[in-house]
Protein backbone atom coordinates (compact mmCIF):
# COMPACT_ATOMS: atom_id res chain seq x y z
CA MET A 1 18.24 4.00 -4.71
CA ASP A 2 18.64 0.28 -4.30
CA GLY A 3 16.76 -2.30 -6.33
CA PRO A 4 14.46 -1.95 -9.33
CA LYS A 5 12.16 1.03 -9.83
CA LYS A 6 8.82 0.58 -8.08
CA ASP A 7 5.70 0.29 -10.24
CA TYR A 8 2.33 1.23 -8.74
CA LYS A 9 0.14 -0.18 -11.52
CA GLY A 10 -2.40 -2.80 -10.52
CA MET A 11 -2.53 -1.90 -6.84
CA LEU A 12 -5.43 -3.36 -4.88
CA PRO A 13 -8.29 -1.10 -3.79
CA ILE A 14 -8.96 -0.13 -0.18
CA GLY A 15 -10.99 -2.82 1.59
CA SER A 16 -9.29 -5.73 -0.16
CA VAL A 17 -8.62 -8.72 2.10
CA VAL A 18 -5.35 -10.61 1.75
CA ARG A 19 -3.31 -13.31 3.42
CA ILE A 20 0.28 -12.25 4.09
CA GLU A 21 3.20 -14.68 4.20
CA ASP A 22 3.98 -15.71 7.81
CA VAL A 23 0.91 -13.87 9.23
CA GLU A 24 -1.84 -16.01 10.71
CA GLN A 25 -4.75 -13.57 10.39
CA TYR A 26 -6.24 -12.15 7.23
CA ILE A 27 -5.44 -8.47 6.60
CA VAL A 28 -7.82 -5.74 5.34
CA ILE A 29 -6.02 -3.11 3.26
CA CYS A 30 -6.73 0.40 4.57
CA GLY A 31 -4.02 2.43 2.81
CA ARG A 32 -1.67 2.48 -0.16
CA ILE A 33 1.83 3.90 -0.65
CA VAL A 34 2.47 4.62 3.02
CA CYS A 35 5.35 5.41 5.33
CA PRO A 36 5.20 4.59 9.07
CA ALA A 37 5.84 7.63 11.26
CA ASP A 38 9.02 6.15 12.76
CA GLU A 39 10.60 4.92 9.49
CA GLU A 40 12.10 6.35 6.33
CA ARG A 41 10.78 3.46 4.23
CA LEU A 42 7.88 3.31 1.81
CA TYR A 43 5.45 0.37 1.79
CA ASP A 44 2.87 -0.54 -0.83
CA TYR A 45 0.10 -1.13 1.72
CA VAL A 46 -1.01 -0.79 5.31
CA GLY A 47 -3.71 -3.01 6.77
CA PHE A 48 -5.35 -4.27 9.92
CA PRO A 49 -6.33 -7.76 11.09
CA TYR A 50 -9.66 -9.31 10.12
CA PRO A 51 -12.10 -9.78 11.85
CA GLU A 52 -10.86 -7.79 14.87
CA GLY A 53 -10.54 -4.46 13.11
CA MET A 54 -8.14 -1.60 13.51
CA GLY A 55 -6.43 -0.69 16.75
CA ARG A 56 -3.40 1.48 17.42
CA GLU A 57 -1.00 -1.43 17.66
CA ASP A 58 -2.55 -3.57 14.95
CA LEU A 59 -1.43 -1.87 11.73
CA LEU A 60 0.72 -3.97 9.44
CA PHE A 61 2.86 -2.36 6.72
CA PHE A 62 3.74 -4.59 3.77
CA ASP A 63 4.66 -4.71 0.10
CA ARG A 64 2.70 -6.54 -2.57
CA GLU A 65 5.38 -9.25 -2.77
CA ALA A 66 4.34 -10.40 0.74
CA ILE A 67 0.76 -11.16 -0.39
CA ALA A 68 0.29 -14.92 -0.47
CA ASP A 69 -3.45 -14.94 -1.33
CA LEU A 70 -6.06 -12.41 -2.43
CA LEU A 71 -9.32 -13.28 -0.65
CA PHE A 72 -11.51 -10.29 -1.50
CA ILE A 73 -11.15 -7.30 -3.84
CA GLY A 74 -12.26 -4.03 -2.20
CA PHE A 75 -14.83 -1.55 -3.43
CA GLN A 76 -14.25 -0.23 -6.94
CA ASP A 77 -16.32 2.54 -8.44
CA GLU A 78 -15.63 5.24 -11.01
CA LEU A 79 -13.58 7.27 -8.49
CA GLU A 80 -11.33 4.31 -7.64
CA LEU A 81 -10.81 3.38 -11.28
CA ARG A 82 -10.01 6.97 -12.21
CA TYR A 83 -7.63 7.33 -9.23
CA ARG A 84 -5.77 4.20 -10.31
CA SER A 85 -5.56 5.17 -13.99
CA GLU A 86 -4.77 8.88 -13.51
CA ILE A 87 -2.62 8.74 -10.37
CA LEU A 88 -1.31 5.31 -9.35
CA ASP A 89 -0.61 4.00 -12.85
CA LYS A 90 1.38 7.14 -13.72
CA LEU A 91 3.39 7.55 -10.53
CA GLY A 92 7.11 7.72 -10.97
CA GLU A 93 9.70 6.65 -8.45
CA LEU A 94 8.92 7.71 -4.88
CA ALA A 95 11.09 8.15 -1.80
CA VAL A 96 10.76 9.30 1.80
CA GLU A 97 12.58 12.51 2.73
CA ASP A 98 12.21 14.01 6.21
CA GLY A 99 9.08 11.96 6.82
CA GLU A 100 7.39 13.07 3.59
CA ILE A 101 6.69 10.98 0.49
CA VAL A 102 8.23 12.74 -2.52
CA LEU A 103 8.56 12.06 -6.23
CA VAL A 104 12.18 11.27 -7.07
CA GLY A 105 13.44 13.73 -9.65
CA GLY A 106 10.10 15.54 -9.60
CA GLU A 107 9.44 19.25 -9.44
CA GLU A 108 8.19 20.86 -6.21
């Protein structure tokens, strides 16, 4: 593994709207900890352009370091807060193996 260990604490909720460096349109986050079908790389987020919405060719995969501005924080209820505290905040190091996201050093 190259680089520092990834930390998934403090991830933005689904529906958050951000401005990405070098991208003209705002982006609505629609997924977290994702791997595009044709890559063996993990990204923090996937989103689609605002206000157009999601189309097949419009998905943008990016890491949190690319976020220049946070414009809107998505919906947060008890389920989201519990998911973040019980799952995302406790995730260890992840990798992509044969198109699947796996915990590095984890048990099957």
